[in-house]
Amino acid sequence: MVIENRSVRIVGAIRQGRYLCEVRAGQYWRLENLKSFDVISLPLTKSSRAGIKIVNRRKFLKTTGAAIPMTSRLSPLLRSSSLSAEAVSSRPTPDLVALPPRMAAVDPATQQWQQKIRRVGQSNMTEHDPAVMNIEEWADYWHSAKADIVFISVTGILAFYPSKVRFHRHGKFLNGRDFFGECVAAAKRRSMRVVARMSPDLNWGDALDAHPEWAMRNQDGSVQFSDEEPRLFKTCMFTSYMDDYVPAIMREVNSIYDVDCFYTNGWPPLGSLPECHCEVCSKLPPSGTPAYWRVFDDRVFELWQKYDAIAKEKNPNSFFFANLGGNVRGGPNLDRLGKIAAWFQADNQGRTYDDPAVWGCTLQGRVCNAVMDGKFAANVTAAYSTGTVTWRNASKNPAEAEMWL
């Protein structure tokens, strides 16, 4: 397409009659009222600018749900254009305004520590690890992989340190050992930072007996239990479990260990909105409705800020962040969270039945860049197979593992 002797590359159709165009590298305009490629009808004079709106790349990704077609798909249409240079020259000069730079320059001296991270290591601990895992070898492995920071399990339903918080059950192989503390010390000796990894979405029967109000409930009032381990009940995010129990663990860890930040896996809920009929949730709008989503989003935002403030009680450079899932799916309001989140944690462990291809991860990356405004983001991918049969029981093909990285 040519506008006043300028070469204009169409990079995407927002919807019929409206296109995102690139006039020069990194400069974009949104052109409206484009009826076809043969006839340009754009009210672009200084007296009437209704047909042109400035939109930066981040805003475009944030406010539109359309995929950007490849330019090559549009080339046949461009070649078929009958627009002549003479016809173009007779039109008013377009009043085009250059967009601001895509991202402001970052001063390394004032850059937050997490923005300097380039590689993250994560080994999820199991109950048996305190009895058999060689901590020095574990730390040497991640250091040799040039990891800048490692996730270490505080609780994966079981405590990996001698916690004094009630209902924070110790693993049967812990035997009073401070396994978490030893891992933290080994990482720090190798100049690796530490993420304290927590899983607040499940707990055991003794907690349920003492606090039945903590459980998610079915419509008939029965407790919702884990599909993988029926002894574990699902905790409700609208109860005091999230207000009292989780902060108690965070404060205990913060008071004892030199951790750099806190992370929750399994919260907020991923993919679809939770459906709970406990006493608290029965007073909320029905799950799956826009009204419920607004209440859900407010609660996520409230707890995120609460946990972030707790993380900063010991160190103002610490923070809280959470698993925000994989691909591009509904969940918390990412635009809203992006304004307070210091770290966007994407979770794309590999191909599954729901996510058969890698491009879902790339789409999430676009969304992430749009909402985080240059702040840190990382993607989790797995060394194990994610197929239905071999889930976490076999290694991933090396070529595929490299592809995800």
Protein backbone atom coordinates (compact mmCIF):
# COMPACT_ATOMS: atom_id res chain seq x y z
CA MET A 1 0.00 0.00 0.00
CA VAL A 2 1.21 3.55 -0.70
CA ILE A 3 0.05 6.68 1.11
CA GLU A 4 1.54 9.94 -0.20
CA ASN A 5 4.57 8.14 -1.64
CA ARG A 6 5.29 6.35 1.64
CA SER A 7 5.59 2.61 1.75
CA VAL A 8 3.12 1.26 4.31
CA ARG A 9 3.32 -2.34 5.50
CA ILE A 10 0.11 -3.81 6.87
CA VAL A 11 1.02 -5.96 9.86
CA GLY A 12 -2.41 -6.97 11.05
CA ALA A 13 -6.14 -6.62 10.64
CA ILE A 14 -7.88 -5.56 13.83
CA ARG A 15 -11.31 -6.00 12.33
CA GLN A 16 -13.01 -5.29 9.02
CA GLY A 17 -12.10 -1.86 7.75
CA ARG A 18 -9.42 -1.22 10.37
CA TYR A 19 -5.75 -2.13 10.04
CA LEU A 20 -2.56 -1.80 11.99
CA CYS A 21 0.13 -0.44 9.68
CA GLU A 22 3.86 0.09 10.01
CA VAL A 23 5.16 3.11 8.13
CA ARG A 24 8.73 2.87 9.36
CA ALA A 25 10.42 0.28 11.58
CA GLY A 26 8.93 0.51 15.04
CA GLN A 27 6.34 3.18 14.12
CA TYR A 28 2.71 2.08 13.89
CA TRP A 29 -0.56 3.71 12.94
CA ARG A 30 -4.05 2.31 13.12
CA LEU A 31 -5.95 3.15 9.94
CA GLU A 32 -9.73 3.03 9.95
CA ASN A 33 -12.44 3.10 7.28
CA LEU A 34 -10.29 1.12 4.85
CA LYS A 35 -12.92 -0.30 2.49
CA SER A 36 -10.57 -2.28 0.29
CA PHE A 37 -7.02 -2.35 -0.96
CA ASP A 38 -8.09 -0.74 -4.24
CA VAL A 39 -9.72 2.36 -2.80
CA ILE A 40 -8.40 4.32 0.18
CA SER A 41 -11.01 6.45 1.90
CA LEU A 42 -9.23 7.98 4.90
CA PRO A 43 -10.31 11.30 6.43
CA LEU A 44 -6.74 12.18 7.38
CA THR A 45 -6.75 15.95 6.91
CA LYS A 46 -5.84 18.20 9.81
CA SER A 47 -9.45 19.30 10.06
CA SER A 48 -10.71 15.73 10.40
CA ARG A 49 -8.53 13.14 12.15
CA ALA A 50 -11.32 10.77 13.15
CA GLY A 51 -9.99 8.10 10.85
CA ILE A 52 -6.56 7.75 12.38
CA LYS A 53 -5.77 6.73 15.95
CA ILE A 54 -2.35 6.28 17.46
CA VAL A 55 -1.83 2.90 19.06
CA ASN A 56 1.37 1.45 20.39
CA ARG A 57 2.24 -2.20 20.09
CA ARG A 58 1.62 -3.00 23.76
CA LYS A 59 -1.83 -1.32 23.70
CA PHE A 60 -2.73 -3.18 20.52
CA LEU A 61 -1.91 -6.57 22.07
CA LYS A 62 -3.67 -5.69 25.31
CA THR A 63 -6.97 -4.53 23.80
CA THR A 64 -7.44 -6.80 20.79
CA GLY A 65 -7.96 -10.50 20.61
CA ALA A 66 -7.18 -10.95 16.94
CA ALA A 67 -4.15 -12.90 15.79
CA ILE A 68 -1.74 -10.99 13.58
CA PRO A 69 -1.65 -12.56 10.10
CA MET A 70 1.69 -12.94 8.37
CA THR A 71 2.50 -10.22 5.86
CA SER A 72 3.04 -12.89 3.22
CA ARG A 73 -0.63 -13.80 3.48
CA LEU A 74 -1.51 -10.26 2.46
CA SER A 75 0.96 -9.92 -0.41
CA PRO A 76 -1.43 -11.21 -3.12
CA LEU A 77 -3.92 -8.55 -2.08
CA LEU A 78 -1.25 -5.86 -2.15
CA ARG A 79 -0.07 -6.92 -5.61
CA SER A 80 -3.63 -6.77 -6.91
CA SER A 81 -4.06 -3.15 -5.85
CA SER A 82 -5.05 -0.89 -8.75
CA LEU A 83 -4.18 2.29 -6.83
CA SER A 84 -1.95 4.50 -8.97
CA ALA A 85 0.70 6.97 -7.83
CA GLU A 86 -1.25 9.73 -9.59
CA ALA A 87 -4.39 8.93 -7.60
CA VAL A 88 -2.42 8.94 -4.41
CA SER A 89 -0.71 12.27 -5.09
CA SER A 90 -4.09 13.97 -5.52
CA ARG A 91 -5.18 13.06 -2.00
CA PRO A 92 -4.63 15.18 1.12
CA THR A 93 -1.36 14.67 2.96
CA PRO A 94 -1.94 12.17 5.79
CA ASP A 95 -1.49 13.69 9.23
CA LEU A 96 0.64 10.91 10.70
CA VAL A 97 2.15 11.20 14.15
CA ALA A 98 5.09 9.01 15.17
CA LEU A 99 4.56 6.70 18.12
CA PRO A 100 6.82 6.84 21.18
CA PRO A 101 9.62 4.25 21.48
CA ARG A 102 8.42 0.75 22.26
CA MET A 103 10.25 0.59 25.59
CA ALA A 104 12.24 3.14 27.55
CA ALA A 105 15.95 2.52 28.05
CA VAL A 106 16.86 0.82 31.32
CA ASP A 107 19.65 2.12 33.52
CA PRO A 108 21.55 -0.94 34.86
CA ALA A 109 22.40 0.98 38.02
CA THR A 110 18.74 1.31 38.97
CA GLN A 111 17.56 -2.01 37.54
CA GLN A 112 15.75 -4.29 40.01
CA TRP A 113 17.65 -7.47 40.86
CA GLN A 114 15.15 -9.83 39.26
CA GLN A 115 15.48 -8.07 35.90
CA LYS A 116 19.10 -9.22 35.73
CA ILE A 117 18.10 -12.90 35.93
CA ARG A 118 18.64 -14.95 32.78
CA ARG A 119 18.20 -18.55 33.98
CA VAL A 120 16.02 -20.09 36.69
CA GLY A 121 16.35 -23.59 38.15
CA GLN A 122 13.57 -25.58 39.79
CA SER A 123 13.53 -29.08 41.29
CA ASN A 124 10.28 -29.83 43.09
CA MET A 125 11.12 -31.70 46.28
CA THR A 126 9.39 -34.94 47.27
CA GLU A 127 8.71 -36.29 50.76
CA HIS A 128 11.57 -38.81 50.44
CA ASP A 129 14.21 -36.26 49.36
CA PRO A 130 15.37 -35.34 52.90
CA ALA A 131 16.45 -38.97 53.30
CA VAL A 132 18.24 -39.47 49.98
CA MET A 133 19.02 -36.19 48.20
CA ASN A 134 22.60 -34.96 48.11
CA ILE A 135 22.17 -31.22 48.61
CA GLU A 136 25.70 -30.32 47.47
CA GLU A 137 25.24 -32.22 44.20
CA TRP A 138 21.85 -30.55 43.69
CA ALA A 139 23.38 -27.11 44.19
CA ASP A 140 26.40 -27.94 42.00
CA TYR A 141 24.09 -29.02 39.19
CA TRP A 142 22.13 -25.77 39.11
CA HIS A 143 25.29 -23.72 39.50
CA SER A 144 26.89 -25.56 36.56
CA ALA A 145 23.74 -24.81 34.55
CA LYS A 146 24.41 -21.11 35.25
CA ALA A 147 21.14 -20.64 37.13
CA ASP A 148 20.90 -17.21 38.72
CA ILE A 149 18.11 -18.25 41.07
CA VAL A 150 16.53 -21.52 42.24
CA PHE A 151 13.07 -22.45 43.49
CA ILE A 152 13.24 -24.39 46.77
CA SER A 153 10.19 -26.09 48.28
CA VAL A 154 9.00 -24.63 51.58
CA THR A 155 5.88 -26.70 51.42
CA GLY A 156 4.56 -28.96 48.75
CA ILE A 157 1.71 -29.87 51.10
CA LEU A 158 4.43 -31.06 53.52
CA ALA A 159 6.93 -28.90 55.42
CA PHE A 160 10.58 -29.25 54.40
CA TYR A 161 11.81 -27.56 57.57
CA PRO A 162 10.85 -27.98 61.26
CA SER A 163 7.87 -25.63 61.04
CA LYS A 164 6.02 -24.63 64.20
CA VAL A 165 2.91 -23.45 62.34
CA ARG A 166 -0.03 -25.63 63.30
CA PHE A 167 -1.25 -27.96 60.53
CA HIS A 168 1.98 -27.47 58.54
CA ARG A 169 2.66 -31.19 58.54
CA HIS A 170 6.27 -32.42 58.54
CA GLY A 171 7.24 -35.09 56.04
CA LYS A 172 7.83 -38.50 57.60
CA PHE A 173 11.48 -38.49 56.41
CA LEU A 174 12.28 -35.04 57.77
CA ASN A 175 13.05 -36.25 61.31
CA GLY A 176 13.66 -32.76 62.62
CA ARG A 177 16.13 -31.90 59.85
CA ASP A 178 16.13 -28.40 58.35
CA PHE A 179 16.21 -29.62 54.76
CA PHE A 180 14.94 -26.34 53.33
CA GLY A 181 17.51 -24.34 55.29
CA GLU A 182 20.37 -26.54 54.09
CA CYS A 183 19.26 -26.09 50.48
CA VAL A 184 19.06 -22.31 50.93
CA ALA A 185 22.56 -22.20 52.42
CA ALA A 186 24.01 -24.34 49.60
CA ALA A 187 22.47 -22.07 46.96
CA LYS A 188 23.70 -18.92 48.65
CA ARG A 189 27.26 -20.28 48.87
CA ARG A 190 27.17 -20.47 45.08
CA SER A 191 25.77 -16.93 44.74
CA MET A 192 22.36 -18.15 43.59
CA ARG A 193 19.25 -16.36 44.81
CA VAL A 194 16.36 -18.31 46.35
CA VAL A 195 12.61 -18.40 45.70
CA ALA A 196 10.61 -19.86 48.60
CA ARG A 197 8.09 -22.09 46.78
CA MET A 198 4.73 -22.81 48.44
CA SER A 199 1.60 -24.79 47.51
CA PRO A 200 -1.39 -23.44 49.45
CA ASP A 201 -4.13 -25.18 47.49
CA LEU A 202 -4.32 -28.45 49.51
CA ASN A 203 -4.10 -29.59 53.14
CA TRP A 204 -4.62 -32.64 55.35
CA GLY A 205 -7.48 -34.10 57.37
CA ASP A 206 -6.35 -32.78 60.76
CA ALA A 207 -6.63 -29.23 59.43
CA LEU A 208 -10.07 -30.07 58.03
CA ASP A 209 -11.25 -31.43 61.38
CA ALA A 210 -10.17 -28.26 63.18
CA HIS A 211 -11.22 -25.84 60.43
CA PRO A 212 -14.03 -27.28 58.30
CA GLU A 213 -14.63 -23.76 56.99
CA TRP A 214 -11.31 -23.90 55.10
CA ALA A 215 -12.53 -26.52 52.61
CA MET A 216 -14.04 -26.07 49.19
CA ARG A 217 -17.50 -27.65 49.12
CA ASN A 218 -19.67 -29.28 46.51
CA GLN A 219 -23.24 -28.15 45.98
CA ASP A 220 -24.47 -30.85 48.39
CA GLY A 221 -22.12 -29.55 51.08
CA SER A 222 -19.57 -32.37 50.80
CA VAL A 223 -15.85 -31.59 50.87
CA GLN A 224 -13.89 -31.36 47.63
CA PHE A 225 -10.83 -33.62 47.75
CA SER A 226 -7.80 -33.84 45.49
CA ASP A 227 -8.17 -36.12 42.47
CA GLU A 228 -4.57 -37.32 42.89
CA GLU A 229 -4.52 -37.80 46.68
CA PRO A 230 -7.94 -38.28 48.33
CA ARG A 231 -6.50 -37.59 51.79
CA LEU A 232 -5.93 -33.97 50.79
CA PHE A 233 -8.80 -31.48 50.70
CA LYS A 234 -8.98 -28.44 48.44
CA THR A 235 -8.69 -25.15 50.29
CA CYS A 236 -11.01 -22.22 49.55
CA MET A 237 -9.32 -18.94 48.64
CA PHE A 238 -12.12 -16.89 50.20
CA THR A 239 -11.55 -18.24 53.72
CA SER A 240 -9.21 -17.47 56.62
CA TYR A 241 -6.91 -20.23 55.35
CA MET A 242 -5.49 -17.70 52.89
CA ASP A 243 -5.72 -14.78 55.33
CA ASP A 244 -4.15 -16.45 58.39
CA TYR A 245 -2.53 -19.81 57.67
CA VAL A 246 -0.53 -18.88 54.55
CA PRO A 247 0.78 -15.60 56.06
CA ALA A 248 1.87 -17.53 59.19
CA ILE A 249 4.12 -19.77 57.07
CA MET A 250 5.49 -16.82 55.09
CA ARG A 251 6.38 -14.91 58.25
CA GLU A 252 8.00 -17.98 59.81
CA VAL A 253 10.17 -18.54 56.73
CA ASN A 254 11.01 -14.85 56.46
CA SER A 255 12.12 -14.71 60.09
CA ILE A 256 14.52 -17.67 59.78
CA TYR A 257 15.90 -17.82 56.23
CA ASP A 258 17.61 -15.58 53.70
CA VAL A 259 15.12 -15.94 50.85
CA ASP A 260 14.79 -13.40 48.07
CA CYS A 261 11.09 -13.75 47.28
CA PHE A 262 7.99 -15.93 47.76
CA TYR A 263 6.00 -17.89 45.16
CA THR A 264 2.78 -19.87 45.26
CA ASN A 265 2.06 -22.79 42.97
CA GLY A 266 -1.57 -23.90 42.66
CA TRP A 267 -2.89 -20.43 43.48
CA PRO A 268 -4.50 -18.49 42.01
CA PRO A 269 -6.65 -21.15 40.29
CA LEU A 270 -5.67 -21.64 36.66
CA GLY A 271 -7.67 -22.19 33.50
CA SER A 272 -11.20 -21.93 34.85
CA LEU A 273 -12.79 -20.16 37.79
CA PRO A 274 -13.26 -22.25 40.95
CA GLU A 275 -16.71 -23.50 41.88
CA CYS A 276 -17.23 -23.68 45.63
CA HIS A 277 -20.38 -23.83 47.78
CA CYS A 278 -18.89 -23.25 51.22
CA GLU A 279 -20.54 -20.83 53.62
CA VAL A 280 -18.53 -17.89 52.31
CA CYS A 281 -18.86 -18.72 48.62
CA SER A 282 -22.60 -19.38 48.88
CA LYS A 283 -22.99 -15.64 49.45
CA LEU A 284 -21.03 -14.74 46.32
CA PRO A 285 -22.40 -14.51 42.76
CA PRO A 286 -22.60 -17.87 40.93
CA SER A 287 -19.28 -19.17 39.60
CA GLY A 288 -18.78 -18.67 35.89
CA THR A 289 -20.62 -15.35 35.77
CA PRO A 290 -19.08 -11.93 35.10
CA ALA A 291 -20.14 -10.84 38.58
CA TYR A 292 -18.24 -13.76 40.14
CA TRP A 293 -15.18 -13.05 38.02
CA ARG A 294 -15.07 -9.51 39.38
CA VAL A 295 -15.28 -10.79 42.98
CA PHE A 296 -12.66 -13.45 42.22
CA ASP A 297 -10.36 -10.89 40.66
CA ASP A 298 -10.73 -8.52 43.62
CA ARG A 299 -9.79 -11.36 46.00
CA VAL A 300 -6.72 -12.33 43.96
CA PHE A 301 -5.63 -8.70 43.90
CA GLU A 302 -6.22 -8.35 47.66
CA LEU A 303 -4.23 -11.46 48.59
CA TRP A 304 -1.44 -10.68 46.13
CA GLN A 305 -0.93 -7.29 47.78
CA LYS A 306 -1.16 -8.84 51.25
CA TYR A 307 1.48 -11.48 50.51
CA ASP A 308 3.71 -8.96 48.77
CA ALA A 309 3.63 -6.72 51.85
CA ILE A 310 4.55 -9.69 54.07
CA ALA A 311 7.50 -10.53 51.79
CA LYS A 312 8.73 -6.95 52.16
CA GLU A 313 8.54 -6.94 55.98
CA LYS A 314 12.13 -8.18 56.19
CA ASN A 315 13.56 -6.91 52.93
CA PRO A 316 12.02 -4.11 50.82
CA ASN A 317 13.55 -5.68 47.70
CA SER A 318 11.65 -8.93 48.25
CA PHE A 319 8.24 -9.60 46.72
CA PHE A 320 5.53 -12.17 46.15
CA PHE A 321 4.52 -13.68 42.83
CA ALA A 322 2.39 -16.60 41.69
CA ASN A 323 1.87 -19.11 38.90
CA LEU A 324 -0.20 -17.43 36.19
CA GLY A 325 -0.66 -20.56 34.09
CA GLY A 326 0.09 -21.35 30.47
CA ASN A 327 -1.16 -20.48 27.02
CA VAL A 328 -3.79 -17.73 26.75
CA ARG A 329 -6.71 -18.55 28.99
CA GLY A 330 -9.11 -16.81 31.30
CA GLY A 331 -8.16 -16.32 34.93
CA PRO A 332 -7.16 -13.28 36.95
CA ASN A 333 -7.19 -9.88 35.30
CA LEU A 334 -3.63 -9.82 33.96
CA ASP A 335 -3.75 -6.17 33.01
CA ARG A 336 -4.57 -5.31 36.62
CA LEU A 337 -2.02 -7.71 38.10
CA GLY A 338 0.67 -6.47 35.73
CA LYS A 339 0.62 -3.12 37.49
CA ILE A 340 1.65 -4.63 40.85
CA ALA A 341 3.46 -7.85 39.90
CA ALA A 342 7.27 -7.82 40.00
CA TRP A 343 7.54 -11.20 38.20
CA PHE A 344 5.22 -12.80 35.63
CA GLN A 345 5.51 -16.57 35.98
CA ALA A 346 4.24 -18.45 32.93
CA ASP A 347 3.78 -22.23 33.12
CA ASN A 348 4.16 -24.13 29.84
CA GLN A 349 5.62 -27.49 30.83
CA GLY A 350 5.18 -29.06 27.41
CA ARG A 351 2.63 -30.36 24.97
CA THR A 352 -0.52 -31.82 26.46
CA TYR A 353 -3.98 -32.73 25.19
CA ASP A 354 -5.19 -29.19 25.91
CA ASP A 355 -2.04 -27.44 24.67
CA PRO A 356 -0.75 -29.49 21.73
CA ALA A 357 1.61 -26.89 20.26
CA VAL A 358 4.32 -24.48 21.32
CA TRP A 359 2.72 -21.37 19.86
CA GLY A 360 0.37 -21.07 22.84
CA CYS A 361 3.43 -20.17 24.86
CA THR A 362 4.49 -17.55 22.33
CA LEU A 363 1.03 -15.96 22.44
CA GLN A 364 1.27 -15.81 26.23
CA GLY A 365 4.62 -14.09 25.83
CA ARG A 366 2.96 -11.35 23.79
CA VAL A 367 0.32 -10.87 26.45
CA CYS A 368 3.01 -10.85 29.12
CA ASN A 369 4.99 -8.15 27.34
CA ALA A 370 1.82 -6.11 26.98
CA VAL A 371 0.80 -6.16 30.64
CA MET A 372 4.19 -6.10 32.40
CA ASP A 373 5.56 -2.95 30.73
CA GLY A 374 9.15 -4.18 30.70
CA LYS A 375 9.18 -5.93 34.09
CA PHE A 376 10.59 -9.43 34.58
CA ALA A 377 8.92 -12.55 33.21
CA ALA A 378 9.92 -16.22 33.09
CA ASN A 379 8.49 -19.36 31.54
CA VAL A 380 8.49 -22.76 33.25
CA THR A 381 9.12 -25.72 30.98
CA ALA A 382 9.79 -29.30 31.98
CA ALA A 383 12.62 -31.78 31.53
CA TYR A 384 10.07 -34.59 31.85
CA SER A 385 7.48 -35.79 29.36
CA THR A 386 4.05 -34.19 29.52
CA GLY A 387 2.17 -36.81 27.54
CA THR A 388 -0.94 -38.37 29.05
CA VAL A 389 0.66 -41.76 29.68
CA THR A 390 4.22 -40.73 30.55
CA TRP A 391 3.39 -37.62 32.60
CA ARG A 392 6.44 -36.98 34.80
CA ASN A 393 7.54 -40.62 34.46
CA ALA A 394 9.84 -40.24 31.45
CA SER A 395 12.32 -37.69 30.15
CA LYS A 396 11.33 -35.27 27.45
CA ASN A 397 12.98 -35.64 24.05
CA PRO A 398 16.08 -33.37 24.15
CA ALA A 399 15.14 -31.65 20.89
CA GLU A 400 11.71 -30.77 22.24
CA ALA A 401 13.13 -29.53 25.54
CA GLU A 402 15.46 -27.25 23.60
CA MET A 403 12.57 -26.02 21.46
CA TRP A 404 10.67 -24.83 24.54
CA LEU A 405 13.73 -22.92 25.71
